């Protein structure tokens, strides 16, 4: 796995989008995996490893997530997802990609796939559909933001409560989720 970056342009200037790439076998199709609203590219580590014998697997951190740069103007986030994804696909220099999207990543994939001349060949989505219920939006509103935690243990406890619907994860999986979610603030 190799981390790379891409400079993308928004109305406030350039911002850096970081993505990981597992090259896969020569000539393999490209698979792009995009995370949900409050998550990051590391959510796809297990599936990327499993699919890398068959695919070139690319997992971006969308702006403000993971290793990618936070935007100076918060109102730009949703307007840049499509253009940043298009810039990433162009950087990958392929005619088409397969796409796995979780929640927000699924919405981005659906919007890209709906465009004339779309490079999306196959689209797999989870935790999203064409409609988002009011209950779902209320739940998201309860945990979205940029909270601060005094320790990795406190972060893990919050993630266990927030993402209990992820299913029966092992302690090691919860710890990985916490490590992958953490960032040190200035």
C-alpha atoms as a PDB file:
ATOM      1  CA  UNK A   1       0.000   0.000   0.000  1.00  0.00           C
ATOM      2  CA  UNK A   2       1.329   3.408  -1.005  1.00  0.00           C
ATOM      3  CA  UNK A   3      -0.040   6.774   0.141  1.00  0.00           C
ATOM      4  CA  UNK A   4      -0.223   9.432  -2.561  1.00  0.00           C
ATOM      5  CA  UNK A   5      -1.761  12.886  -2.727  1.00  0.00           C
ATOM      6  CA  UNK A   6      -3.621  15.021  -5.202  1.00  0.00           C
ATOM      7  CA  UNK A   7      -3.979  18.807  -5.197  1.00  0.00           C
ATOM      8  CA  UNK A   8      -7.596  19.769  -5.876  1.00  0.00           C
ATOM      9  CA  UNK A   9      -9.065  23.222  -6.417  1.00  0.00           C
ATOM     10  CA  UNK A  10     -12.026  24.792  -4.662  1.00  0.00           C
ATOM     11  CA  UNK A  11     -13.224  28.388  -4.404  1.00  0.00           C
ATOM     12  CA  UNK A  12     -10.911  28.952  -1.398  1.00  0.00           C
ATOM     13  CA  UNK A  13      -7.828  27.690  -3.241  1.00  0.00           C
ATOM     14  CA  UNK A  14      -6.061  24.362  -3.447  1.00  0.00           C
ATOM     15  CA  UNK A  15      -6.438  21.573  -0.914  1.00  0.00           C
ATOM     16  CA  UNK A  16      -4.647  18.226  -0.595  1.00  0.00           C
ATOM     17  CA  UNK A  17      -6.536  14.939  -0.936  1.00  0.00           C
ATOM     18  CA  UNK A  18      -4.621  11.862   0.219  1.00  0.00           C
ATOM     19  CA  UNK A  19      -5.359   8.419  -1.147  1.00  0.00           C
ATOM     20  CA  UNK A  20      -3.878   4.962  -0.655  1.00  0.00           C
ATOM     21  CA  UNK A  21      -3.231   2.652  -3.538  1.00  0.00           C
ATOM     22  CA  UNK A  22      -2.709  -1.087  -3.680  1.00  0.00           C
ATOM     23  CA  UNK A  23      -1.485  -1.740  -7.234  1.00  0.00           C
ATOM     24  CA  UNK A  24      -2.970  -5.221  -7.782  1.00  0.00           C
ATOM     25  CA  UNK A  25      -1.876  -7.389 -10.711  1.00  0.00           C
ATOM     26  CA  UNK A  26      -0.803  -5.898 -14.046  1.00  0.00           C
ATOM     27  CA  UNK A  27      -3.814  -4.776 -16.083  1.00  0.00           C
ATOM     28  CA  UNK A  28      -6.249  -5.221 -13.192  1.00  0.00           C
ATOM     29  CA  UNK A  29      -9.390  -3.076 -13.139  1.00  0.00           C
ATOM     30  CA  UNK A  30      -9.376  -0.132 -10.719  1.00  0.00           C
ATOM     31  CA  UNK A  31     -11.623  -0.157  -7.662  1.00  0.00           C
ATOM     32  CA  UNK A  32     -12.259   3.091  -5.772  1.00  0.00           C
ATOM     33  CA  UNK A  33     -13.601   2.757  -2.211  1.00  0.00           C
ATOM     34  CA  UNK A  34     -15.048   5.892  -0.596  1.00  0.00           C
ATOM     35  CA  UNK A  35     -15.954   6.196   3.082  1.00  0.00           C
ATOM     36  CA  UNK A  36     -18.915   7.712   4.897  1.00  0.00           C
ATOM     37  CA  UNK A  37     -19.430  11.228   6.226  1.00  0.00           C
ATOM     38  CA  UNK A  38     -17.505  10.888   9.497  1.00  0.00           C
ATOM     39  CA  UNK A  39     -15.131   8.088   8.535  1.00  0.00           C
ATOM     40  CA  UNK A  40     -11.940   7.694   6.479  1.00  0.00           C
ATOM     41  CA  UNK A  41     -10.144   5.506   3.950  1.00  0.00           C
ATOM     42  CA  UNK A  42      -8.803   3.105   6.615  1.00  0.00           C
ATOM     43  CA  UNK A  43     -12.346   1.691   6.888  1.00  0.00           C
ATOM     44  CA  UNK A  44     -11.563  -0.215   3.691  1.00  0.00           C
ATOM     45  CA  UNK A  45      -8.227  -1.776   4.776  1.00  0.00           C
ATOM     46  CA  UNK A  46      -9.632  -5.300   5.142  1.00  0.00           C
ATOM     47  CA  UNK A  47     -11.643  -5.380   1.914  1.00  0.00           C
ATOM     48  CA  UNK A  48      -8.842  -3.617   0.009  1.00  0.00           C
ATOM     49  CA  UNK A  49      -6.375  -6.257   1.124  1.00  0.00           C
ATOM     50  CA  UNK A  50      -8.784  -9.048   0.170  1.00  0.00           C
ATOM     51  CA  UNK A  51      -9.520  -7.572  -3.286  1.00  0.00           C
ATOM     52  CA  UNK A  52      -5.987  -6.437  -4.165  1.00  0.00           C
ATOM     53  CA  UNK A  53      -5.110  -9.769  -5.844  1.00  0.00           C
ATOM     54  CA  UNK A  54      -7.852  -8.934  -8.386  1.00  0.00           C
ATOM     55  CA  UNK A  55      -8.006  -5.112  -8.434  1.00  0.00           C
ATOM     56  CA  UNK A  56      -5.914  -2.003  -8.239  1.00  0.00           C
ATOM     57  CA  UNK A  57      -7.586  -0.654  -5.064  1.00  0.00           C
ATOM     58  CA  UNK A  58      -7.670   3.083  -4.354  1.00  0.00           C
ATOM     59  CA  UNK A  59      -9.045   4.437  -1.061  1.00  0.00           C
ATOM     60  CA  UNK A  60      -9.192   8.239  -0.741  1.00  0.00           C
ATOM     61  CA  UNK A  61      -9.647  10.307   2.385  1.00  0.00           C
ATOM     62  CA  UNK A  62     -12.191  12.917   1.356  1.00  0.00           C
ATOM     63  CA  UNK A  63     -11.355  16.513   2.373  1.00  0.00           C
ATOM     64  CA  UNK A  64     -11.447  17.020   6.139  1.00  0.00           C
ATOM     65  CA  UNK A  65     -11.059  13.292   6.839  1.00  0.00           C
ATOM     66  CA  UNK A  66      -8.102  11.054   7.568  1.00  0.00           C
ATOM     67  CA  UNK A  67      -4.879  12.436   6.126  1.00  0.00           C
ATOM     68  CA  UNK A  68      -6.542  14.866   3.709  1.00  0.00           C
ATOM     69  CA  UNK A  69      -6.531  18.581   4.324  1.00  0.00           C
ATOM     70  CA  UNK A  70      -9.369  20.319   6.120  1.00  0.00           C
ATOM     71  CA  UNK A  71     -11.011  23.073   4.112  1.00  0.00           C
ATOM     72  CA  UNK A  72     -10.908  26.686   5.292  1.00  0.00           C
ATOM     73  CA  UNK A  73     -14.545  27.218   4.273  1.00  0.00           C
ATOM     74  CA  UNK A  74     -16.814  24.480   5.712  1.00  0.00           C
ATOM     75  CA  UNK A  75     -19.551  25.297   3.205  1.00  0.00           C
ATOM     76  CA  UNK A  76     -17.329  23.927   0.412  1.00  0.00           C
ATOM     77  CA  UNK A  77     -17.254  20.309   1.580  1.00  0.00           C
ATOM     78  CA  UNK A  78     -20.285  18.914  -0.221  1.00  0.00           C
ATOM     79  CA  UNK A  79     -19.664  20.970  -3.364  1.00  0.00           C
ATOM     80  CA  UNK A  80     -16.167  19.517  -3.815  1.00  0.00           C
ATOM     81  CA  UNK A  81     -16.842  15.791  -3.413  1.00  0.00           C
ATOM     82  CA  UNK A  82     -17.744  15.234  -7.062  1.00  0.00           C
ATOM     83  CA  UNK A  83     -14.996  17.398  -8.534  1.00  0.00           C
ATOM     84  CA  UNK A  84     -12.361  15.927  -6.196  1.00  0.00           C
ATOM     85  CA  UNK A  85     -13.520  12.406  -7.117  1.00  0.00           C
ATOM     86  CA  UNK A  86     -13.381  13.278 -10.829  1.00  0.00           C
ATOM     87  CA  UNK A  87      -9.864  14.677 -10.356  1.00  0.00           C
ATOM     88  CA  UNK A  88      -8.836  11.465  -8.575  1.00  0.00           C
ATOM     89  CA  UNK A  89     -10.210   9.276 -11.372  1.00  0.00           C
ATOM     90  CA  UNK A  90      -8.382  11.446 -13.916  1.00  0.00           C
ATOM     91  CA  UNK A  91      -5.160  11.072 -11.892  1.00  0.00           C
ATOM     92  CA  UNK A  92      -5.578   7.286 -11.944  1.00  0.00           C
ATOM     93  CA  UNK A  93      -5.466   7.460 -15.766  1.00  0.00           C
ATOM     94  CA  UNK A  94      -8.104   4.792 -16.421  1.00  0.00           C
ATOM     95  CA  UNK A  95     -11.136   4.682 -18.701  1.00  0.00           C
ATOM     96  CA  UNK A  96     -13.416   3.272 -16.009  1.00  0.00           C
ATOM     97  CA  UNK A  97     -13.512   2.363 -12.341  1.00  0.00           C
ATOM     98  CA  UNK A  98     -15.573   0.126 -10.132  1.00  0.00           C
ATOM     99  CA  UNK A  99     -16.819   1.922  -7.020  1.00  0.00           C
ATOM    100  CA  UNK A 100     -17.654   0.832  -3.482  1.00  0.00           C
ATOM    101  CA  UNK A 101     -19.247   3.575  -1.415  1.00  0.00           C
ATOM    102  CA  UNK A 102     -20.413   3.576   2.172  1.00  0.00           C
ATOM    103  CA  UNK A 103     -23.070   6.148   3.073  1.00  0.00           C
ATOM    104  CA  UNK A 104     -21.650   9.459   1.785  1.00  0.00           C
ATOM    105  CA  UNK A 105     -19.264   7.507  -0.474  1.00  0.00           C
ATOM    106  CA  UNK A 106     -22.301   5.730  -1.907  1.00  0.00           C
ATOM    107  CA  UNK A 107     -24.041   9.046  -2.584  1.00  0.00           C
ATOM    108  CA  UNK A 108     -20.922  10.353  -4.334  1.00  0.00           C
ATOM    109  CA  UNK A 109     -20.776   7.154  -6.401  1.00  0.00           C
ATOM    110  CA  UNK A 110     -24.463   7.426  -7.353  1.00  0.00           C
ATOM    111  CA  UNK A 111     -24.045  11.063  -8.401  1.00  0.00           C
ATOM    112  CA  UNK A 112     -20.958  10.245 -10.480  1.00  0.00           C
ATOM    113  CA  UNK A 113     -22.633   7.209 -12.049  1.00  0.00           C
ATOM    114  CA  UNK A 114     -25.630   9.358 -13.049  1.00  0.00           C
ATOM    115  CA  UNK A 115     -23.476  11.747 -15.111  1.00  0.00           C
ATOM    116  CA  UNK A 116     -23.335  11.411 -18.908  1.00  0.00           C
ATOM    117  CA  UNK A 117     -20.119   9.656 -19.921  1.00  0.00           C
ATOM    118  CA  UNK A 118     -19.526   8.465 -16.342  1.00  0.00           C
ATOM    119  CA  UNK A 119     -16.413   6.344 -15.760  1.00  0.00           C
ATOM    120  CA  UNK A 120     -18.283   4.235 -13.164  1.00  0.00           C
ATOM    121  CA  UNK A 121     -18.472   0.685 -14.554  1.00  0.00           C
ATOM    122  CA  UNK A 122     -19.862  -1.077 -11.467  1.00  0.00           C
ATOM    123  CA  UNK A 123     -21.305   0.527  -8.345  1.00  0.00           C
ATOM    124  CA  UNK A 124     -21.694  -1.141  -4.955  1.00  0.00           C
ATOM    125  CA  UNK A 125     -23.241   0.915  -2.167  1.00  0.00           C
ATOM    126  CA  UNK A 126     -24.012   0.211   1.451  1.00  0.00           C
ATOM    127  CA  UNK A 127     -25.675   2.154   4.248  1.00  0.00           C
ATOM    128  CA  UNK A 128     -27.347   4.465   1.736  1.00  0.00           C
ATOM    129  CA  UNK A 129     -30.103   4.578  -0.839  1.00  0.00           C
ATOM    130  CA  UNK A 130     -31.877   7.186  -2.932  1.00  0.00           C
ATOM    131  CA  UNK A 131     -33.725   8.470   0.149  1.00  0.00           C
ATOM    132  CA  UNK A 132     -32.417   9.264   3.642  1.00  0.00           C
ATOM    133  CA  UNK A 133     -35.014   9.128   6.398  1.00  0.00           C
ATOM    134  CA  UNK A 134     -35.555  11.944   8.902  1.00  0.00           C
ATOM    135  CA  UNK A 135     -34.600   9.523  11.672  1.00  0.00           C
ATOM    136  CA  UNK A 136     -31.327   8.748   9.892  1.00  0.00           C
ATOM    137  CA  UNK A 137     -30.545  12.434   9.411  1.00  0.00           C
ATOM    138  CA  UNK A 138     -31.291  13.136  13.082  1.00  0.00           C
ATOM    139  CA  UNK A 139     -28.934  10.328  14.133  1.00  0.00           C
ATOM    140  CA  UNK A 140     -26.153  11.701  11.928  1.00  0.00           C
ATOM    141  CA  UNK A 141     -26.680  15.218  13.296  1.00  0.00           C
ATOM    142  CA  UNK A 142     -26.139  13.831  16.814  1.00  0.00           C
ATOM    143  CA  UNK A 143     -22.585  12.641  16.114  1.00  0.00           C
ATOM    144  CA  UNK A 144     -21.206  14.762  13.279  1.00  0.00           C
ATOM    145  CA  UNK A 145     -18.627  17.415  14.167  1.00  0.00           C
ATOM    146  CA  UNK A 146     -15.083  17.638  15.442  1.00  0.00           C
ATOM    147  CA  UNK A 147     -15.163  16.441  19.048  1.00  0.00           C
ATOM    148  CA  UNK A 148     -12.135  16.293  21.324  1.00  0.00           C
ATOM    149  CA  UNK A 149     -11.331  13.312  23.539  1.00  0.00           C
ATOM    150  CA  UNK A 150      -8.809  13.160  26.397  1.00  0.00           C
ATOM    151  CA  UNK A 151      -7.491   9.738  25.337  1.00  0.00           C
ATOM    152  CA  UNK A 152      -7.696   7.042  22.693  1.00  0.00           C
ATOM    153  CA  UNK A 153      -9.708   4.973  25.200  1.00  0.00           C
ATOM    154  CA  UNK A 154     -12.322   7.755  25.492  1.00  0.00           C
ATOM    155  CA  UNK A 155     -12.495   7.988  21.696  1.00  0.00           C
ATOM    156  CA  UNK A 156     -12.934   4.226  21.415  1.00  0.00           C
ATOM    157  CA  UNK A 157     -15.763   4.290  23.982  1.00  0.00           C
ATOM    158  CA  UNK A 158     -17.520   7.039  22.007  1.00  0.00           C
ATOM    159  CA  UNK A 159     -17.089   5.115  18.751  1.00  0.00           C
ATOM    160  CA  UNK A 160     -18.493   1.953  20.333  1.00  0.00           C
ATOM    161  CA  UNK A 161     -21.591   3.889  21.392  1.00  0.00           C
ATOM    162  CA  UNK A 162     -22.012   5.802  18.118  1.00  0.00           C
ATOM    163  CA  UNK A 163     -21.324   2.908  15.777  1.00  0.00           C
ATOM    164  CA  UNK A 164     -22.904   0.030  17.704  1.00  0.00           C
ATOM    165  CA  UNK A 165     -24.885  -0.704  14.532  1.00  0.00           C
ATOM    166  CA  UNK A 166     -21.622  -1.656  12.768  1.00  0.00           C
ATOM    167  CA  UNK A 167     -22.182  -5.116  14.235  1.00  0.00           C
ATOM    168  CA  UNK A 168     -20.235  -7.433  16.497  1.00  0.00           C
ATOM    169  CA  UNK A 169     -16.689  -6.074  16.146  1.00  0.00           C
ATOM    170  CA  UNK A 170     -13.825  -7.553  18.132  1.00  0.00           C
ATOM    171  CA  UNK A 171     -11.916  -5.476  20.662  1.00  0.00           C
ATOM    172  CA  UNK A 172      -9.015  -5.333  18.181  1.00  0.00           C
ATOM    173  CA  UNK A 173     -11.347  -4.022  15.448  1.00  0.00           C
ATOM    174  CA  UNK A 174     -12.753  -1.333  17.762  1.00  0.00           C
ATOM    175  CA  UNK A 175      -9.198  -0.322  18.725  1.00  0.00           C
ATOM    176  CA  UNK A 176      -8.209  -0.091  15.037  1.00  0.00           C
ATOM    177  CA  UNK A 177     -11.297   2.026  14.348  1.00  0.00           C
ATOM    178  CA  UNK A 178     -10.272   4.364  17.175  1.00  0.00           C
ATOM    179  CA  UNK A 179      -6.614   4.597  16.035  1.00  0.00           C
ATOM    180  CA  UNK A 180      -7.699   5.224  12.448  1.00  0.00           C
ATOM    181  CA  UNK A 181     -10.204   7.895  13.564  1.00  0.00           C
ATOM    182  CA  UNK A 182      -7.852   9.804  15.834  1.00  0.00           C
ATOM    183  CA  UNK A 183      -5.930  12.892  14.844  1.00  0.00           C
ATOM    184  CA  UNK A 184      -3.883  15.159  17.017  1.00  0.00           C
ATOM    185  CA  UNK A 185      -5.205  18.693  17.106  1.00  0.00           C
ATOM    186  CA  UNK A 186      -2.849  21.691  17.150  1.00  0.00           C
END
